[in-house]
Amino acid sequence: MGRRGYPAEFRRKVLDLVESGRPVADVAKALGISDQTIHTWRRQDRIDKGLEPG
């Protein structure tokens, strides 16, 4: 298994902020993470929920 740099709780809070309508770029800048990281987490979350093929 690969190393995960952020706890699951942190990732969930980031996704909740984005889902509430905050722009990905704003959330990423405020928390010091990359836009791409958030997009990757969001895509994986959608796959896990069965909303997107994985």
C-alpha atoms as a PDB file:
ATOM      1  CA  MET A   1       0.000   0.000   0.000  1.00  0.00           C
ATOM      2  CA  GLY A   2       1.115   3.518  -0.710  1.00  0.00           C
ATOM      3  CA  ARG A   3       1.798   6.057   1.969  1.00  0.00           C
ATOM      4  CA  ARG A   4      -0.978   8.563   2.521  1.00  0.00           C
ATOM      5  CA  GLY A   5       0.237  11.983   3.589  1.00  0.00           C
ATOM      6  CA  TYR A   6      -3.032  13.313   4.991  1.00  0.00           C
ATOM      7  CA  PRO A   7      -5.437  11.736   7.476  1.00  0.00           C
ATOM      8  CA  ALA A   8      -8.827  10.633   6.174  1.00  0.00           C
ATOM      9  CA  GLU A   9     -10.567  13.184   8.417  1.00  0.00           C
ATOM     10  CA  PHE A  10      -8.608  16.032   6.806  1.00  0.00           C
ATOM     11  CA  ARG A  11      -9.411  14.794   3.301  1.00  0.00           C
ATOM     12  CA  ARG A  12     -13.118  14.565   4.218  1.00  0.00           C
ATOM     13  CA  LYS A  13     -13.141  18.143   5.562  1.00  0.00           C
ATOM     14  CA  VAL A  14     -11.467  19.404   2.374  1.00  0.00           C
ATOM     15  CA  LEU A  15     -14.043  17.631   0.210  1.00  0.00           C
ATOM     16  CA  ASP A  16     -16.869  18.984   2.376  1.00  0.00           C
ATOM     17  CA  LEU A  17     -15.590  22.534   1.829  1.00  0.00           C
ATOM     18  CA  VAL A  18     -15.474  22.019  -1.934  1.00  0.00           C
ATOM     19  CA  GLU A  19     -18.906  20.375  -1.989  1.00  0.00           C
ATOM     20  CA  SER A  20     -20.333  23.329  -0.043  1.00  0.00           C
ATOM     21  CA  GLY A  21     -19.445  25.572  -2.979  1.00  0.00           C
ATOM     22  CA  ARG A  22     -16.000  26.912  -2.173  1.00  0.00           C
ATOM     23  CA  PRO A  23     -13.688  27.008  -5.203  1.00  0.00           C
ATOM     24  CA  VAL A  24     -11.017  24.305  -5.276  1.00  0.00           C
ATOM     25  CA  ALA A  25      -8.285  26.917  -5.790  1.00  0.00           C
ATOM     26  CA  ASP A  26      -9.373  28.865  -2.687  1.00  0.00           C
ATOM     27  CA  VAL A  27      -9.499  25.777  -0.485  1.00  0.00           C
ATOM     28  CA  ALA A  28      -6.133  24.563  -1.768  1.00  0.00           C
ATOM     29  CA  LYS A  29      -4.455  27.910  -1.151  1.00  0.00           C
ATOM     30  CA  ALA A  30      -5.988  28.328   2.308  1.00  0.00           C
ATOM     31  CA  LEU A  31      -4.837  24.865   3.407  1.00  0.00           C
ATOM     32  CA  GLY A  32      -1.480  24.789   1.624  1.00  0.00           C
ATOM     33  CA  ILE A  33      -2.225  21.834  -0.641  1.00  0.00           C
ATOM     34  CA  SER A  34      -2.335  21.598  -4.426  1.00  0.00           C
ATOM     35  CA  ASP A  35      -5.434  21.909  -6.582  1.00  0.00           C
ATOM     36  CA  GLN A  36      -4.543  18.591  -8.192  1.00  0.00           C
ATOM     37  CA  THR A  37      -4.551  16.849  -4.812  1.00  0.00           C
ATOM     38  CA  ILE A  38      -8.111  18.010  -4.178  1.00  0.00           C
ATOM     39  CA  HIS A  39      -9.237  16.973  -7.664  1.00  0.00           C
ATOM     40  CA  THR A  40      -7.694  13.531  -7.116  1.00  0.00           C
ATOM     41  CA  TRP A  41      -9.440  13.141  -3.759  1.00  0.00           C
ATOM     42  CA  ARG A  42     -12.748  14.304  -5.231  1.00  0.00           C
ATOM     43  CA  ARG A  43     -12.508  11.845  -8.125  1.00  0.00           C
ATOM     44  CA  GLN A  44     -11.688   8.972  -5.768  1.00  0.00           C
ATOM     45  CA  ASP A  45     -14.582   9.943  -3.514  1.00  0.00           C
ATOM     46  CA  ARG A  46     -16.955   9.868  -6.489  1.00  0.00           C
ATOM     47  CA  ILE A  47     -15.628   6.455  -7.510  1.00  0.00           C
ATOM     48  CA  ASP A  48     -16.040   5.147  -3.959  1.00  0.00           C
ATOM     49  CA  LYS A  49     -19.657   6.378  -3.915  1.00  0.00           C
ATOM     50  CA  GLY A  50     -20.357   4.687  -7.264  1.00  0.00           C
ATOM     51  CA  LEU A  51     -20.992   7.986  -9.051  1.00  0.00           C
ATOM     52  CA  GLU A  52     -18.099   7.568 -11.458  1.00  0.00           C
ATOM     53  CA  PRO A  53     -16.526   4.481 -13.017  1.00  0.00           C
ATOM     54  CA  GLY A  54     -13.209   3.496 -11.535  1.00  0.00           C
END
